[in-house]
């Protein structure tokens, strides 16, 4: 009987250790994984389907938990075809990056649009817009006219 109790405590300990490892997996960056990250996509008007040029796209990096501040890593703008693309080497101190459509940076877009729909790898999403470090991610934005 004692043997069974010791075995079950050992199994619980092993399960606890496995859970801790899984929960903290994203907290530590592997020194062998590439941190080169590419984000690209288009910004178009939802009604006209025409490209929207000169929209600011900001890439931010987060160092901490859920409520931590994000640092600006790079700012780019869409071209005449509404296209943007950038590749950055994300510093090791960042654990997550986010792609932001900052259309409200220009008054003419603030007056014209009320927001946007987001698409990740061509699928509409309800959240926006994390990108995996070391990968290539497409985010397209459909601007919603007022």
N, C-alpha and C. Protein backbone atom coordinates (compact mmCIF):
# COMPACT_ATOMS: atom_id res chain seq x y z
N UNK A 1 0.83 -1.20 0.00
CA UNK A 1 0.00 0.00 0.00
C UNK A 1 0.87 1.25 0.00
N UNK A 2 1.92 1.29 0.81
CA UNK A 2 2.80 2.45 0.84
C UNK A 2 3.45 2.67 -0.51
N UNK A 3 3.77 1.61 -1.17
CA UNK A 3 4.42 1.72 -2.46
C UNK A 3 3.53 2.45 -3.48
N UNK A 4 2.24 2.17 -3.45
CA UNK A 4 1.29 2.81 -4.33
C UNK A 4 1.19 4.31 -4.04
N UNK A 5 1.20 4.70 -2.78
CA UNK A 5 1.14 6.11 -2.40
C UNK A 5 2.38 6.85 -2.89
N UNK A 6 3.54 6.28 -2.70
CA UNK A 6 4.79 6.91 -3.16
C UNK A 6 4.78 7.06 -4.68
N UNK A 7 4.30 6.03 -5.37
CA UNK A 7 4.26 6.08 -6.83
C UNK A 7 3.32 7.17 -7.31
N UNK A 8 2.15 7.30 -6.65
CA UNK A 8 1.22 8.33 -7.10
C UNK A 8 1.74 9.73 -6.79
N UNK A 9 2.45 9.90 -5.68
CA UNK A 9 3.07 11.20 -5.39
C UNK A 9 4.14 11.51 -6.42
N UNK A 10 4.88 10.52 -6.83
CA UNK A 10 5.90 10.71 -7.86
C UNK A 10 5.28 11.09 -9.19
N UNK A 11 4.16 10.48 -9.52
CA UNK A 11 3.47 10.79 -10.77
C UNK A 11 2.91 12.22 -10.72
N UNK A 12 2.38 12.62 -9.57
CA UNK A 12 1.87 13.99 -9.42
C UNK A 12 3.01 15.00 -9.57
N UNK A 13 4.13 14.69 -8.98
CA UNK A 13 5.29 15.58 -9.09
C UNK A 13 5.76 15.70 -10.53
N UNK A 14 5.76 14.58 -11.22
CA UNK A 14 6.17 14.58 -12.63
C UNK A 14 5.18 15.39 -13.47
N UNK A 15 3.89 15.23 -13.22
CA UNK A 15 2.88 16.01 -13.94
C UNK A 15 3.02 17.50 -13.65
N UNK A 16 3.29 17.84 -12.39
CA UNK A 16 3.47 19.24 -12.01
C UNK A 16 4.67 19.83 -12.75
N UNK A 17 5.78 19.11 -12.77
CA UNK A 17 6.98 19.59 -13.46
C UNK A 17 6.73 19.77 -14.95
N UNK A 18 6.00 18.84 -15.55
CA UNK A 18 5.69 18.94 -16.98
C UNK A 18 4.82 20.17 -17.25
N UNK A 19 3.84 20.41 -16.37
CA UNK A 19 2.97 21.57 -16.54
C UNK A 19 3.75 22.87 -16.45
N UNK A 20 4.66 22.97 -15.50
CA UNK A 20 5.48 24.17 -15.34
C UNK A 20 6.33 24.39 -16.59
N UNK A 21 6.91 23.33 -17.12
CA UNK A 21 7.73 23.46 -18.33
C UNK A 21 6.89 23.94 -19.52
N UNK A 22 5.70 23.39 -19.68
CA UNK A 22 4.84 23.81 -20.79
C UNK A 22 4.39 25.26 -20.65
N UNK A 23 4.07 25.67 -19.43
CA UNK A 23 3.59 27.04 -19.21
C UNK A 23 4.69 28.08 -19.38
N UNK A 24 5.92 27.72 -19.14
CA UNK A 24 7.02 28.68 -19.24
C UNK A 24 7.81 28.55 -20.53
N UNK A 25 7.37 27.68 -21.42
CA UNK A 25 8.12 27.45 -22.66
C UNK A 25 8.35 28.73 -23.45
N UNK A 26 7.34 29.59 -23.56
CA UNK A 26 7.47 30.82 -24.33
C UNK A 26 8.27 31.91 -23.63
N UNK A 27 8.61 31.73 -22.37
CA UNK A 27 9.31 32.77 -21.61
C UNK A 27 10.80 32.79 -21.88
N UNK A 28 11.33 31.75 -22.43
CA UNK A 28 12.76 31.65 -22.66
C UNK A 28 13.02 31.43 -24.14
N UNK A 29 13.84 32.28 -24.71
CA UNK A 29 14.14 32.17 -26.13
C UNK A 29 15.29 31.20 -26.34
N UNK A 30 15.13 30.39 -27.35
CA UNK A 30 16.20 29.48 -27.71
C UNK A 30 17.29 30.28 -28.43
N UNK A 31 18.55 30.09 -28.04
CA UNK A 31 19.61 30.82 -28.72
C UNK A 31 19.83 30.32 -30.15
N UNK A 32 19.21 29.20 -30.49
CA UNK A 32 19.42 28.61 -31.82
C UNK A 32 18.32 28.98 -32.81
N UNK A 33 17.20 29.48 -32.32
CA UNK A 33 16.10 29.84 -33.20
C UNK A 33 16.35 31.22 -33.81
N UNK A 34 16.11 31.34 -35.10
CA UNK A 34 16.25 32.62 -35.78
C UNK A 34 15.24 33.61 -35.22
N UNK A 35 15.65 34.83 -35.05
CA UNK A 35 14.75 35.89 -34.58
C UNK A 35 14.40 36.85 -35.71
N UNK A 36 14.80 36.48 -36.93
CA UNK A 36 14.46 37.28 -38.11
C UNK A 36 12.99 37.07 -38.42
N UNK A 37 12.24 38.16 -38.39
CA UNK A 37 10.79 38.11 -38.53
C UNK A 37 10.35 39.00 -39.68
N UNK A 38 9.48 38.46 -40.53
CA UNK A 38 8.95 39.22 -41.66
C UNK A 38 7.44 39.38 -41.48
N UNK A 39 6.96 40.60 -41.63
CA UNK A 39 5.53 40.86 -41.66
C UNK A 39 5.22 41.63 -42.94
N UNK A 40 4.11 41.28 -43.56
CA UNK A 40 3.75 41.92 -44.82
C UNK A 40 2.24 41.85 -45.00
N UNK A 41 1.74 42.61 -45.94
CA UNK A 41 0.32 42.57 -46.24
C UNK A 41 -0.13 43.77 -47.03
N UNK A 42 -1.44 43.96 -47.08
CA UNK A 42 -2.03 45.06 -47.82
C UNK A 42 -3.07 45.77 -46.97
N UNK A 43 -3.33 47.01 -47.34
CA UNK A 43 -4.40 47.80 -46.73
C UNK A 43 -5.28 48.26 -47.88
N UNK A 44 -6.56 47.88 -47.83
CA UNK A 44 -7.50 48.25 -48.88
C UNK A 44 -8.78 48.80 -48.27
N UNK A 45 -9.50 49.57 -49.07
CA UNK A 45 -10.79 50.12 -48.68
C UNK A 45 -11.84 49.02 -48.83
N UNK A 46 -12.62 48.77 -47.80
CA UNK A 46 -13.60 47.69 -47.82
C UNK A 46 -14.69 47.91 -48.86
N UNK A 47 -15.07 49.16 -49.09
CA UNK A 47 -16.16 49.43 -50.04
C UNK A 47 -15.68 49.45 -51.49
N UNK A 48 -14.59 50.15 -51.76
CA UNK A 48 -14.12 50.31 -53.14
C UNK A 48 -13.15 49.21 -53.57
N UNK A 49 -12.59 48.52 -52.60
CA UNK A 49 -11.56 47.48 -52.83
C UNK A 49 -10.27 48.06 -53.41
N UNK A 50 -10.13 49.39 -53.35
CA UNK A 50 -8.92 50.05 -53.83
C UNK A 50 -7.86 50.07 -52.73
N UNK A 51 -6.58 50.07 -53.12
CA UNK A 51 -5.52 50.14 -52.11
C UNK A 51 -5.51 51.48 -51.39
N UNK A 52 -5.07 51.45 -50.14
CA UNK A 52 -4.94 52.67 -49.35
C UNK A 52 -3.45 52.88 -49.10
N UNK A 53 -2.91 53.96 -49.67
CA UNK A 53 -1.47 54.20 -49.55
C UNK A 53 -1.17 55.07 -48.33
N UNK A 54 0.07 55.05 -47.91
CA UNK A 54 0.60 55.90 -46.85
C UNK A 54 -0.01 55.64 -45.47
N UNK A 55 -0.50 54.44 -45.23
CA UNK A 55 -0.99 54.07 -43.91
C UNK A 55 0.20 53.61 -43.08
N UNK A 56 0.28 54.13 -41.87
CA UNK A 56 1.40 53.75 -40.99
C UNK A 56 1.15 52.36 -40.38
N UNK A 57 2.16 51.50 -40.52
CA UNK A 57 2.16 50.19 -39.90
C UNK A 57 3.31 50.19 -38.90
N UNK A 58 2.99 49.92 -37.64
CA UNK A 58 4.02 49.93 -36.59
C UNK A 58 4.23 48.51 -36.06
N UNK A 59 5.49 48.16 -35.90
CA UNK A 59 5.85 46.88 -35.29
C UNK A 59 6.33 47.19 -33.87
N UNK A 60 5.67 46.58 -32.88
CA UNK A 60 6.07 46.81 -31.50
C UNK A 60 6.57 45.50 -30.89
N UNK A 61 7.39 45.64 -29.86
CA UNK A 61 7.91 44.48 -29.15
C UNK A 61 7.57 44.54 -27.68
N UNK A 62 7.23 43.40 -27.12
CA UNK A 62 6.90 43.31 -25.70
C UNK A 62 7.95 42.49 -24.96
N UNK A 63 8.34 42.98 -23.80
CA UNK A 63 9.36 42.31 -23.01
C UNK A 63 8.80 41.50 -21.85
N UNK A 64 7.58 41.82 -21.44
CA UNK A 64 7.07 41.21 -20.22
C UNK A 64 5.77 40.49 -20.41
N UNK A 65 4.94 40.56 -19.36
CA UNK A 65 3.67 39.86 -19.33
C UNK A 65 2.58 40.56 -20.10
N UNK A 66 1.36 40.21 -19.78
CA UNK A 66 0.18 40.68 -20.50
C UNK A 66 0.03 42.20 -20.43
N UNK A 67 0.26 42.80 -19.28
CA UNK A 67 0.02 44.23 -19.11
C UNK A 67 1.26 45.09 -19.32
N UNK A 68 2.31 44.52 -19.88
CA UNK A 68 3.54 45.29 -20.05
C UNK A 68 3.44 46.26 -21.22
N UNK A 69 4.25 47.28 -21.18
CA UNK A 69 4.30 48.25 -22.26
C UNK A 69 5.03 47.66 -23.45
N UNK A 70 4.70 48.16 -24.63
CA UNK A 70 5.36 47.71 -25.84
C UNK A 70 6.27 48.82 -26.36
N UNK A 71 7.37 48.43 -26.93
CA UNK A 71 8.32 49.37 -27.50
C UNK A 71 8.20 49.36 -29.02
N UNK A 72 8.31 50.53 -29.61
CA UNK A 72 8.31 50.63 -31.06
C UNK A 72 9.60 50.03 -31.60
N UNK A 73 9.46 49.06 -32.50
CA UNK A 73 10.64 48.47 -33.14
C UNK A 73 10.86 49.02 -34.54
N UNK A 74 9.75 49.30 -35.25
CA UNK A 74 9.89 49.80 -36.62
C UNK A 74 8.57 50.40 -37.09
N UNK A 75 8.67 51.44 -37.93
CA UNK A 75 7.50 52.03 -38.57
C UNK A 75 7.72 51.99 -40.07
N UNK A 76 6.70 51.53 -40.78
CA UNK A 76 6.72 51.52 -42.25
C UNK A 76 5.38 52.06 -42.74
N UNK A 77 5.31 52.34 -44.04
CA UNK A 77 4.08 52.87 -44.63
C UNK A 77 3.71 52.04 -45.85
N UNK A 78 2.41 51.96 -46.11
CA UNK A 78 1.97 51.25 -47.31
C UNK A 78 2.35 52.07 -48.54
N UNK A 79 2.60 51.36 -49.65
CA UNK A 79 2.95 52.03 -50.90
C UNK A 79 1.68 52.34 -51.69
N UNK A 80 1.83 52.77 -52.94
CA UNK A 80 0.69 53.16 -53.78
C UNK A 80 -0.29 52.00 -54.01
N UNK A 81 0.22 50.77 -53.93
CA UNK A 81 -0.64 49.59 -54.10
C UNK A 81 -1.21 49.09 -52.76
N UNK A 82 -0.98 49.87 -51.70
CA UNK A 82 -1.47 49.49 -50.38
C UNK A 82 -0.65 48.40 -49.72
N UNK A 83 0.52 48.11 -50.26
CA UNK A 83 1.35 47.00 -49.78
C UNK A 83 2.40 47.49 -48.78
N UNK A 84 2.68 46.66 -47.80
CA UNK A 84 3.78 46.92 -46.87
C UNK A 84 4.52 45.62 -46.61
N UNK A 85 5.79 45.73 -46.29
CA UNK A 85 6.60 44.56 -45.96
C UNK A 85 7.84 45.03 -45.23
N UNK A 86 8.21 44.29 -44.22
CA UNK A 86 9.45 44.57 -43.51
C UNK A 86 9.99 43.29 -42.89
N UNK A 87 11.28 43.25 -42.76
CA UNK A 87 11.96 42.14 -42.08
C UNK A 87 12.82 42.76 -41.00
N UNK A 88 12.68 42.26 -39.79
CA UNK A 88 13.47 42.79 -38.67
C UNK A 88 14.09 41.64 -37.89
N UNK A 89 15.26 41.92 -37.34
CA UNK A 89 15.89 41.00 -36.40
C UNK A 89 15.46 41.43 -35.01
N UNK A 90 14.58 40.67 -34.41
CA UNK A 90 14.01 41.02 -33.11
C UNK A 90 15.06 40.77 -32.02
N UNK A 91 15.38 41.80 -31.24
CA UNK A 91 16.36 41.63 -30.17
C UNK A 91 15.91 40.55 -29.16
N UNK A 92 16.86 39.88 -28.55
CA UNK A 92 16.58 38.80 -27.60
C UNK A 92 15.76 39.25 -26.40
N UNK A 93 15.78 40.52 -26.08
CA UNK A 93 15.06 41.00 -24.91
C UNK A 93 13.54 41.04 -25.12
N UNK A 94 13.07 40.86 -26.37
CA UNK A 94 11.64 40.87 -26.66
C UNK A 94 11.11 39.45 -26.79
N UNK A 95 9.95 39.23 -26.16
CA UNK A 95 9.33 37.91 -26.17
C UNK A 95 8.14 37.82 -27.11
N UNK A 96 7.64 38.98 -27.54
CA UNK A 96 6.51 38.99 -28.47
C UNK A 96 6.58 40.25 -29.31
N UNK A 97 6.01 40.16 -30.52
CA UNK A 97 5.89 41.35 -31.36
C UNK A 97 4.45 41.44 -31.88
N UNK A 98 4.06 42.68 -32.20
CA UNK A 98 2.70 42.95 -32.64
C UNK A 98 2.74 43.89 -33.84
N UNK A 99 1.84 43.67 -34.78
CA UNK A 99 1.69 44.52 -35.96
C UNK A 99 0.48 45.42 -35.72
N UNK A 100 0.67 46.72 -35.85
CA UNK A 100 -0.41 47.68 -35.61
C UNK A 100 -0.70 48.50 -36.85
N UNK A 101 -1.97 48.60 -37.22
CA UNK A 101 -2.42 49.50 -38.28
C UNK A 101 -2.74 50.82 -37.60
N UNK A 102 -1.93 51.83 -37.88
CA UNK A 102 -2.11 53.13 -37.23
C UNK A 102 -2.64 54.15 -38.25
N UNK A 103 -3.77 53.78 -38.88
CA UNK A 103 -4.38 54.66 -39.88
C UNK A 103 -4.72 56.02 -39.29
N UNK A 104 -5.01 56.06 -38.00
CA UNK A 104 -5.40 57.31 -37.33
C UNK A 104 -4.23 58.28 -37.19
N UNK A 105 -3.04 57.86 -37.63
CA UNK A 105 -1.87 58.74 -37.62
C UNK A 105 -2.04 59.91 -38.61
N UNK A 106 -2.88 59.71 -39.62
CA UNK A 106 -3.12 60.76 -40.61
C UNK A 106 -4.57 61.23 -40.49
N UNK A 107 -4.75 62.53 -40.39
CA UNK A 107 -6.08 63.11 -40.21
C UNK A 107 -7.04 62.70 -41.32
N UNK A 108 -6.56 62.66 -42.57
CA UNK A 108 -7.48 62.32 -43.67
C UNK A 108 -8.05 60.93 -43.51
N UNK A 109 -7.30 60.01 -42.91
CA UNK A 109 -7.82 58.65 -42.70
C UNK A 109 -8.70 58.58 -41.45
N UNK A 110 -8.40 59.38 -40.46
CA UNK A 110 -9.25 59.44 -39.26
C UNK A 110 -10.63 59.94 -39.63
N UNK A 111 -10.69 60.91 -40.54
CA UNK A 111 -11.97 61.46 -40.98
C UNK A 111 -12.72 60.50 -41.90
N UNK A 112 -12.01 59.69 -42.64
CA UNK A 112 -12.63 58.82 -43.63
C UNK A 112 -13.01 57.43 -43.10
N UNK A 113 -12.21 56.88 -42.17
CA UNK A 113 -12.42 55.50 -41.72
C UNK A 113 -12.78 55.41 -40.24
N UNK A 114 -13.57 54.40 -39.90
CA UNK A 114 -13.96 54.17 -38.51
C UNK A 114 -13.23 52.99 -37.89
N UNK A 115 -12.45 52.28 -38.67
CA UNK A 115 -11.72 51.12 -38.18
C UNK A 115 -11.36 50.20 -39.34
N UNK A 116 -11.13 48.92 -39.02
CA UNK A 116 -10.74 47.97 -40.06
C UNK A 116 -11.02 46.54 -39.61
N UNK A 117 -11.12 45.65 -40.61
CA UNK A 117 -11.14 44.22 -40.38
C UNK A 117 -9.72 43.73 -40.56
N UNK A 118 -9.32 42.74 -39.78
CA UNK A 118 -7.97 42.17 -39.87
C UNK A 118 -8.04 40.75 -40.42
N UNK A 119 -7.06 40.43 -41.26
CA UNK A 119 -6.95 39.10 -41.84
C UNK A 119 -5.52 38.61 -41.61
N UNK A 120 -5.38 37.44 -41.01
CA UNK A 120 -4.06 36.84 -40.81
C UNK A 120 -3.95 35.67 -41.78
N UNK A 121 -2.93 35.71 -42.60
CA UNK A 121 -2.72 34.67 -43.60
C UNK A 121 -4.01 34.40 -44.37
N UNK A 122 -4.71 35.48 -44.72
CA UNK A 122 -5.93 35.50 -45.54
C UNK A 122 -7.19 35.00 -44.84
N UNK A 123 -7.13 34.80 -43.53
CA UNK A 123 -8.30 34.39 -42.75
C UNK A 123 -8.70 35.53 -41.82
N UNK A 124 -9.99 35.89 -41.83
CA UNK A 124 -10.46 36.97 -40.95
C UNK A 124 -10.32 36.55 -39.50
N UNK A 125 -9.83 37.50 -38.70
CA UNK A 125 -9.62 37.23 -37.27
C UNK A 125 -10.32 38.31 -36.45
N UNK A 126 -10.60 37.98 -35.20
CA UNK A 126 -11.25 38.93 -34.30
C UNK A 126 -10.27 39.57 -33.33
N UNK A 127 -9.03 39.20 -33.39
CA UNK A 127 -7.99 39.76 -32.53
C UNK A 127 -6.91 40.32 -33.44
N UNK A 128 -6.09 41.15 -32.93
CA UNK A 128 -5.05 41.71 -33.77
C UNK A 128 -3.82 42.01 -32.95
N UNK A 129 -2.75 41.89 -33.39
CA UNK A 129 -2.14 41.24 -34.52
C UNK A 129 -0.74 40.74 -34.11
N UNK A 130 -0.67 39.71 -33.31
CA UNK A 130 0.64 39.18 -32.92
C UNK A 130 1.31 38.46 -34.09
N UNK A 131 2.62 38.51 -34.12
CA UNK A 131 3.39 37.77 -35.12
C UNK A 131 4.43 36.93 -34.38
N UNK A 132 4.61 35.71 -34.82
CA UNK A 132 5.56 34.82 -34.17
C UNK A 132 6.98 35.23 -34.54
N UNK A 133 7.80 35.38 -33.52
CA UNK A 133 9.20 35.74 -33.75
C UNK A 133 9.88 34.61 -34.51
N UNK A 134 10.62 34.99 -35.55
CA UNK A 134 11.34 34.01 -36.36
C UNK A 134 10.51 33.43 -37.49
N UNK A 135 9.36 34.04 -37.78
CA UNK A 135 8.50 33.51 -38.83
C UNK A 135 8.13 34.61 -39.83
N UNK A 136 7.32 34.24 -40.80
CA UNK A 136 6.82 35.17 -41.80
C UNK A 136 5.30 35.19 -41.67
N UNK A 137 4.72 36.37 -41.43
CA UNK A 137 3.29 36.48 -41.17
C UNK A 137 2.67 37.55 -42.06
N UNK A 138 1.52 37.23 -42.62
CA UNK A 138 0.78 38.17 -43.46
C UNK A 138 -0.42 38.71 -42.68
N UNK A 139 -0.53 40.03 -42.62
CA UNK A 139 -1.71 40.70 -42.08
C UNK A 139 -2.24 41.67 -43.13
N UNK A 140 -3.47 41.45 -43.54
CA UNK A 140 -4.15 42.37 -44.46
C UNK A 140 -5.22 43.10 -43.67
N UNK A 141 -5.44 44.37 -44.03
CA UNK A 141 -6.41 45.20 -43.34
C UNK A 141 -7.40 45.76 -44.33
N UNK A 142 -8.69 45.57 -44.06
CA UNK A 142 -9.77 46.15 -44.87
C UNK A 142 -10.34 47.33 -44.10
N UNK A 143 -10.09 48.52 -44.60
CA UNK A 143 -10.53 49.74 -43.94
C UNK A 143 -12.04 49.92 -44.08
N UNK A 144 -12.68 50.31 -42.97
CA UNK A 144 -14.13 50.48 -42.93
C UNK A 144 -14.50 51.96 -42.99
N UNK A 145 -15.04 52.41 -44.13
CA UNK A 145 -15.42 53.82 -44.24
C UNK A 145 -16.52 54.19 -43.25
N UNK A 146 -16.52 55.46 -42.87
CA UNK A 146 -17.57 55.97 -41.94
C UNK A 146 -18.88 56.09 -42.66
